[in-house]
Amino acid sequence: MVLAHSMGGNIVHDVLSHFRPDARVDLLVTVGTQVGLFEELKLFASSDHKVPNPRRPKVAALPNVGRWLNVLDRSDPLAFAAAPVFAGAEDLIFRTGAWWAHGGYLTSCDFHARLARRVGRPT
């Protein structure tokens, strides 16, 4: 399992999609990341400027990632959805309740409890 926050999500995506496509990750959790935006701007080494197109509306799922959960708070200006851009990505909305939502995910006990339930681990 890999959990990456903010720019860490972009780095992990670049590593898994381009630099180490041989690395296997059973569960990727990106939190408050810009991965969807970076792909739309074609900033990743693996970005294909021909996608999206009528035949391929989304970037293909990462073949070396079993499951990808992308967590975002809609009040976080640095968090972007991934599911509209990537096949295989699942967006989960989490309201941090923090005045600066971007820093509120990982310090929230509720975040960790909900994530544990989502991935099938008892809390």
N, C-alpha and C. Protein backbone atom coordinates (compact mmCIF):
# COMPACT_ATOMS: atom_id res chain seq x y z
N MET A 1 0.85 -1.17 0.00
CA MET A 1 0.00 0.00 0.00
C MET A 1 0.89 1.24 0.00
N VAL A 2 0.52 2.20 -0.81
CA VAL A 2 1.20 3.48 -0.84
C VAL A 2 0.17 4.56 -0.60
N LEU A 3 0.44 5.44 0.37
CA LEU A 3 -0.40 6.60 0.63
C LEU A 3 0.44 7.83 0.34
N ALA A 4 -0.07 8.69 -0.54
CA ALA A 4 0.69 9.88 -0.93
C ALA A 4 -0.20 11.10 -0.82
N HIS A 5 0.33 12.16 -0.24
CA HIS A 5 -0.41 13.41 -0.05
C HIS A 5 0.17 14.49 -0.95
N SER A 6 -0.71 15.28 -1.55
CA SER A 6 -0.36 16.46 -2.31
C SER A 6 0.63 16.15 -3.43
N MET A 7 1.76 16.85 -3.47
CA MET A 7 2.74 16.64 -4.54
C MET A 7 3.28 15.21 -4.52
N GLY A 8 3.24 14.56 -3.38
CA GLY A 8 3.66 13.16 -3.30
C GLY A 8 2.85 12.27 -4.23
N GLY A 9 1.57 12.58 -4.42
CA GLY A 9 0.74 11.81 -5.34
C GLY A 9 1.23 11.95 -6.77
N ASN A 10 1.65 13.14 -7.14
CA ASN A 10 2.17 13.36 -8.49
C ASN A 10 3.48 12.60 -8.69
N ILE A 11 4.33 12.62 -7.68
CA ILE A 11 5.60 11.92 -7.75
C ILE A 11 5.36 10.41 -7.87
N VAL A 12 4.49 9.88 -7.03
CA VAL A 12 4.19 8.45 -7.07
C VAL A 12 3.61 8.05 -8.42
N HIS A 13 2.70 8.86 -8.94
CA HIS A 13 2.14 8.54 -10.26
C HIS A 13 3.23 8.51 -11.33
N ASP A 14 4.10 9.49 -11.32
CA ASP A 14 5.19 9.54 -12.30
C ASP A 14 6.12 8.32 -12.15
N VAL A 15 6.41 7.95 -10.92
CA VAL A 15 7.26 6.78 -10.68
C VAL A 15 6.59 5.51 -11.20
N LEU A 16 5.32 5.30 -10.83
CA LEU A 16 4.63 4.06 -11.22
C LEU A 16 4.29 3.99 -12.70
N SER A 17 4.06 5.12 -13.33
CA SER A 17 3.66 5.11 -14.74
C SER A 17 4.84 5.18 -15.70
N HIS A 18 5.98 5.71 -15.24
CA HIS A 18 7.09 5.90 -16.17
C HIS A 18 8.42 5.33 -15.68
N PHE A 19 8.83 5.73 -14.49
CA PHE A 19 10.17 5.38 -14.03
C PHE A 19 10.28 3.95 -13.48
N ARG A 20 9.21 3.45 -12.84
CA ARG A 20 9.23 2.10 -12.30
C ARG A 20 7.92 1.37 -12.58
N PRO A 21 7.57 1.18 -13.85
CA PRO A 21 6.33 0.48 -14.16
C PRO A 21 6.36 -0.99 -13.73
N ASP A 22 7.52 -1.48 -13.33
CA ASP A 22 7.65 -2.85 -12.85
C ASP A 22 7.31 -2.97 -11.36
N ALA A 23 7.20 -1.84 -10.67
CA ALA A 23 6.85 -1.85 -9.24
C ALA A 23 5.36 -2.12 -9.09
N ARG A 24 5.00 -3.08 -8.25
CA ARG A 24 3.60 -3.44 -8.05
C ARG A 24 3.09 -2.84 -6.75
N VAL A 25 1.92 -2.19 -6.83
CA VAL A 25 1.26 -1.60 -5.67
C VAL A 25 -0.15 -2.16 -5.61
N ASP A 26 -0.48 -2.83 -4.52
CA ASP A 26 -1.82 -3.39 -4.37
C ASP A 26 -2.87 -2.30 -4.19
N LEU A 27 -2.54 -1.29 -3.39
CA LEU A 27 -3.47 -0.19 -3.12
C LEU A 27 -2.71 1.13 -3.13
N LEU A 28 -3.14 2.02 -3.98
CA LEU A 28 -2.61 3.38 -4.04
C LEU A 28 -3.68 4.32 -3.50
N VAL A 29 -3.33 5.11 -2.50
CA VAL A 29 -4.24 6.10 -1.94
C VAL A 29 -3.57 7.47 -2.14
N THR A 30 -4.19 8.30 -2.97
CA THR A 30 -3.70 9.66 -3.13
C THR A 30 -4.66 10.58 -2.39
N VAL A 31 -4.12 11.56 -1.70
CA VAL A 31 -4.91 12.41 -0.82
C VAL A 31 -4.56 13.87 -1.10
N GLY A 32 -5.58 14.65 -1.47
CA GLY A 32 -5.36 16.07 -1.72
C GLY A 32 -4.32 16.32 -2.80
N THR A 33 -4.38 15.54 -3.86
CA THR A 33 -3.36 15.63 -4.91
C THR A 33 -3.85 16.37 -6.15
N GLN A 34 -2.91 16.62 -7.01
CA GLN A 34 -3.17 17.32 -8.27
C GLN A 34 -2.97 16.38 -9.46
N VAL A 35 -3.01 15.07 -9.24
CA VAL A 35 -2.73 14.10 -10.29
C VAL A 35 -3.66 14.29 -11.49
N GLY A 36 -4.94 14.49 -11.25
CA GLY A 36 -5.88 14.71 -12.35
C GLY A 36 -5.54 15.96 -13.15
N LEU A 37 -5.24 17.04 -12.46
CA LEU A 37 -4.86 18.29 -13.12
C LEU A 37 -3.55 18.12 -13.90
N PHE A 38 -2.55 17.52 -13.28
CA PHE A 38 -1.25 17.35 -13.95
C PHE A 38 -1.42 16.53 -15.23
N GLU A 39 -2.27 15.51 -15.19
CA GLU A 39 -2.48 14.71 -16.40
C GLU A 39 -3.20 15.52 -17.46
N GLU A 40 -4.19 16.29 -17.06
CA GLU A 40 -4.89 17.11 -18.06
C GLU A 40 -3.96 18.13 -18.69
N LEU A 41 -2.97 18.60 -17.93
CA LEU A 41 -1.98 19.53 -18.46
C LEU A 41 -0.83 18.80 -19.18
N LYS A 42 -0.87 17.45 -19.13
CA LYS A 42 0.14 16.58 -19.78
C LYS A 42 1.54 16.84 -19.23
N LEU A 43 1.65 16.87 -17.91
CA LEU A 43 2.91 17.15 -17.25
C LEU A 43 3.70 15.90 -16.86
N PHE A 44 3.09 14.73 -16.94
CA PHE A 44 3.78 13.50 -16.56
C PHE A 44 4.61 12.98 -17.73
N ALA A 45 5.69 12.29 -17.40
CA ALA A 45 6.55 11.69 -18.44
C ALA A 45 5.75 10.71 -19.29
N SER A 46 4.75 10.06 -18.71
CA SER A 46 3.95 9.07 -19.44
C SER A 46 2.72 9.66 -20.13
N SER A 47 2.49 10.95 -19.99
CA SER A 47 1.29 11.57 -20.57
C SER A 47 1.26 11.41 -22.09
N ASP A 48 0.10 11.04 -22.58
CA ASP A 48 -0.12 10.87 -24.02
C ASP A 48 -1.00 12.03 -24.48
N HIS A 49 -0.48 12.87 -25.33
CA HIS A 49 -1.22 14.05 -25.81
C HIS A 49 -2.41 13.68 -26.69
N LYS A 50 -2.51 12.42 -27.08
CA LYS A 50 -3.64 11.97 -27.91
C LYS A 50 -4.83 11.52 -27.07
N VAL A 51 -4.67 11.50 -25.76
CA VAL A 51 -5.75 11.09 -24.85
C VAL A 51 -6.10 12.31 -23.99
N PRO A 52 -7.33 12.68 -23.88
CA PRO A 52 -8.52 11.95 -24.31
C PRO A 52 -8.83 12.15 -25.79
N ASN A 53 -9.61 11.21 -26.29
CA ASN A 53 -10.13 11.30 -27.64
C ASN A 53 -11.44 10.51 -27.66
N PRO A 54 -12.21 10.56 -28.75
CA PRO A 54 -13.50 9.87 -28.75
C PRO A 54 -13.41 8.37 -28.45
N ARG A 55 -12.32 7.74 -28.81
CA ARG A 55 -12.16 6.30 -28.55
C ARG A 55 -11.62 6.01 -27.16
N ARG A 56 -10.82 6.91 -26.63
CA ARG A 56 -10.22 6.75 -25.30
C ARG A 56 -10.49 8.01 -24.49
N PRO A 57 -11.64 8.06 -23.83
CA PRO A 57 -11.99 9.27 -23.08
C PRO A 57 -11.17 9.46 -21.81
N LYS A 58 -10.51 8.39 -21.34
CA LYS A 58 -9.71 8.47 -20.12
C LYS A 58 -8.35 7.82 -20.35
N VAL A 59 -7.40 8.22 -19.54
CA VAL A 59 -6.10 7.57 -19.52
C VAL A 59 -6.29 6.16 -18.96
N ALA A 60 -5.61 5.19 -19.55
CA ALA A 60 -5.73 3.80 -19.10
C ALA A 60 -5.30 3.67 -17.64
N ALA A 61 -5.91 2.73 -16.96
CA ALA A 61 -5.53 2.43 -15.58
C ALA A 61 -4.08 1.98 -15.53
N LEU A 62 -3.43 2.29 -14.44
CA LEU A 62 -2.05 1.82 -14.26
C LEU A 62 -2.07 0.30 -14.09
N PRO A 63 -1.41 -0.43 -14.97
CA PRO A 63 -1.48 -1.90 -14.89
C PRO A 63 -0.79 -2.48 -13.66
N ASN A 64 0.09 -1.72 -13.02
CA ASN A 64 0.81 -2.20 -11.85
C ASN A 64 0.17 -1.77 -10.53
N VAL A 65 -1.03 -1.18 -10.60
CA VAL A 65 -1.76 -0.76 -9.40
C VAL A 65 -3.06 -1.55 -9.32
N GLY A 66 -3.23 -2.27 -8.22
CA GLY A 66 -4.44 -3.07 -8.05
C GLY A 66 -5.68 -2.23 -7.86
N ARG A 67 -5.59 -1.22 -7.02
CA ARG A 67 -6.74 -0.35 -6.72
C ARG A 67 -6.21 1.03 -6.41
N TRP A 68 -6.93 2.05 -6.91
CA TRP A 68 -6.51 3.43 -6.67
C TRP A 68 -7.67 4.21 -6.09
N LEU A 69 -7.48 4.70 -4.86
CA LEU A 69 -8.45 5.58 -4.20
C LEU A 69 -7.85 6.98 -4.17
N ASN A 70 -8.60 7.96 -4.66
CA ASN A 70 -8.17 9.35 -4.65
C ASN A 70 -9.11 10.13 -3.74
N VAL A 71 -8.59 10.65 -2.65
CA VAL A 71 -9.40 11.34 -1.64
C VAL A 71 -9.25 12.84 -1.80
N LEU A 72 -10.40 13.53 -1.79
CA LEU A 72 -10.35 14.99 -1.89
C LEU A 72 -11.46 15.64 -1.09
N ASP A 73 -11.15 16.81 -0.61
CA ASP A 73 -12.12 17.68 0.05
C ASP A 73 -12.43 18.77 -0.97
N ARG A 74 -13.69 18.97 -1.27
CA ARG A 74 -14.07 19.95 -2.29
C ARG A 74 -13.68 21.39 -1.90
N SER A 75 -13.39 21.62 -0.63
CA SER A 75 -12.94 22.96 -0.22
C SER A 75 -11.41 23.08 -0.23
N ASP A 76 -10.74 22.04 -0.68
CA ASP A 76 -9.28 22.06 -0.77
C ASP A 76 -8.90 22.56 -2.17
N PRO A 77 -8.31 23.74 -2.27
CA PRO A 77 -7.98 24.28 -3.59
C PRO A 77 -6.85 23.54 -4.31
N LEU A 78 -6.17 22.65 -3.59
CA LEU A 78 -5.06 21.90 -4.20
C LEU A 78 -5.41 20.44 -4.47
N ALA A 79 -6.67 20.06 -4.29
CA ALA A 79 -7.11 18.68 -4.51
C ALA A 79 -7.97 18.60 -5.76
N PHE A 80 -7.69 17.62 -6.60
CA PHE A 80 -8.42 17.46 -7.85
C PHE A 80 -8.91 16.03 -8.00
N ALA A 81 -10.03 15.87 -8.66
CA ALA A 81 -10.57 14.55 -8.95
C ALA A 81 -9.66 13.82 -9.93
N ALA A 82 -9.61 12.51 -9.81
CA ALA A 82 -8.82 11.67 -10.73
C ALA A 82 -9.72 10.80 -11.59
N ALA A 83 -10.89 10.40 -11.07
CA ALA A 83 -11.77 9.48 -11.79
C ALA A 83 -12.23 9.98 -13.16
N PRO A 84 -12.49 11.27 -13.35
CA PRO A 84 -12.89 11.72 -14.69
C PRO A 84 -11.74 11.65 -15.71
N VAL A 85 -10.51 11.53 -15.22
CA VAL A 85 -9.33 11.57 -16.09
C VAL A 85 -8.72 10.18 -16.29
N PHE A 86 -8.72 9.36 -15.23
CA PHE A 86 -8.06 8.05 -15.25
C PHE A 86 -9.07 6.92 -15.09
N ALA A 87 -9.00 5.94 -15.98
CA ALA A 87 -9.75 4.70 -15.78
C ALA A 87 -9.16 4.02 -14.55
N GLY A 88 -9.99 3.43 -13.75
CA GLY A 88 -9.51 2.72 -12.57
C GLY A 88 -9.34 3.55 -11.32
N ALA A 89 -9.43 4.86 -11.41
CA ALA A 89 -9.33 5.70 -10.22
C ALA A 89 -10.71 5.87 -9.61
N GLU A 90 -10.77 5.83 -8.30
CA GLU A 90 -12.04 6.02 -7.57
C GLU A 90 -11.89 7.23 -6.68
N ASP A 91 -12.69 8.26 -6.92
CA ASP A 91 -12.65 9.47 -6.10
C ASP A 91 -13.54 9.30 -4.88
N LEU A 92 -13.01 9.69 -3.73
CA LEU A 92 -13.75 9.67 -2.48
C LEU A 92 -13.74 11.07 -1.90
N ILE A 93 -14.90 11.57 -1.55
CA ILE A 93 -15.01 12.90 -0.96
C ILE A 93 -14.91 12.78 0.56
N PHE A 94 -14.03 13.57 1.14
CA PHE A 94 -13.87 13.61 2.59
C PHE A 94 -13.84 15.06 3.02
N ARG A 95 -14.78 15.45 3.85
CA ARG A 95 -14.80 16.82 4.38
C ARG A 95 -13.90 16.87 5.61
N THR A 96 -12.80 17.57 5.47
CA THR A 96 -11.85 17.65 6.58
C THR A 96 -12.38 18.49 7.73
N GLY A 97 -13.17 19.51 7.42
CA GLY A 97 -13.65 20.42 8.45
C GLY A 97 -12.58 21.39 8.92
N ALA A 98 -11.40 21.31 8.31
CA ALA A 98 -10.29 22.18 8.71
C ALA A 98 -10.39 23.51 7.98
N TRP A 99 -9.93 24.57 8.62
CA TRP A 99 -9.97 25.88 7.96
C TRP A 99 -9.06 25.87 6.74
N TRP A 100 -7.98 25.13 6.77
CA TRP A 100 -7.11 24.95 5.61
C TRP A 100 -7.20 23.46 5.28
N ALA A 101 -8.18 23.13 4.44
CA ALA A 101 -8.52 21.74 4.17
C ALA A 101 -7.32 20.91 3.70
N HIS A 102 -6.41 21.52 2.98
CA HIS A 102 -5.30 20.75 2.42
C HIS A 102 -4.44 20.09 3.50
N GLY A 103 -4.37 20.69 4.65
CA GLY A 103 -3.59 20.10 5.74
C GLY A 103 -4.43 19.29 6.71
N GLY A 104 -5.71 19.14 6.45
CA GLY A 104 -6.60 18.51 7.41
C GLY A 104 -6.83 17.02 7.27
N TYR A 105 -6.41 16.43 6.18
CA TYR A 105 -6.70 15.00 5.97
C TYR A 105 -5.99 14.11 6.98
N LEU A 106 -4.69 14.14 6.93
CA LEU A 106 -3.88 13.16 7.66
C LEU A 106 -3.87 13.39 9.16
N THR A 107 -4.30 14.55 9.62
CA THR A 107 -4.37 14.82 11.06
C THR A 107 -5.75 14.46 11.64
N SER A 108 -6.66 14.01 10.79
CA SER A 108 -8.01 13.68 11.22
C SER A 108 -8.14 12.19 11.55
N CYS A 109 -8.52 11.90 12.80
CA CYS A 109 -8.76 10.50 13.19
C CYS A 109 -9.88 9.90 12.35
N ASP A 110 -10.88 10.71 12.03
CA ASP A 110 -11.99 10.24 11.21
C ASP A 110 -11.52 9.83 9.81
N PHE A 111 -10.56 10.56 9.26
CA PHE A 111 -10.02 10.20 7.95
C PHE A 111 -9.44 8.79 7.99
N HIS A 112 -8.61 8.52 8.99
CA HIS A 112 -7.96 7.21 9.10
C HIS A 112 -8.97 6.10 9.34
N ALA A 113 -9.98 6.36 10.16
CA ALA A 113 -11.02 5.36 10.42
C ALA A 113 -11.82 5.06 9.16
N ARG A 114 -12.20 6.10 8.44
CA ARG A 114 -12.97 5.89 7.21
C ARG A 114 -12.14 5.19 6.14
N LEU A 115 -10.87 5.54 6.05
CA LEU A 115 -10.00 4.89 5.08
C LEU A 115 -9.85 3.41 5.42
N ALA A 116 -9.67 3.11 6.69
CA ALA A 116 -9.55 1.71 7.12
C ALA A 116 -10.80 0.93 6.76
N ARG A 117 -11.97 1.50 6.99
CA ARG A 117 -13.22 0.83 6.62
C ARG A 117 -13.30 0.64 5.10
N ARG A 118 -12.88 1.64 4.35
CA ARG A 118 -12.97 1.60 2.89
C ARG A 118 -12.08 0.51 2.31
N VAL A 119 -10.93 0.30 2.93
CA VAL A 119 -10.01 -0.71 2.40
C VAL A 119 -10.22 -2.07 3.06
N GLY A 120 -11.23 -2.17 3.92
CA GLY A 120 -11.61 -3.46 4.46
C GLY A 120 -10.88 -3.86 5.73
N ARG A 121 -10.36 -2.91 6.45
CA ARG A 121 -9.69 -3.21 7.71
C ARG A 121 -10.56 -2.70 8.86
N PRO A 122 -10.77 -3.51 9.90
CA PRO A 122 -11.55 -3.02 11.05
C PRO A 122 -10.81 -1.92 11.78
N THR A 123 -11.58 -0.98 12.34
CA THR A 123 -10.95 0.13 13.07
C THR A 123 -10.88 -0.17 14.54
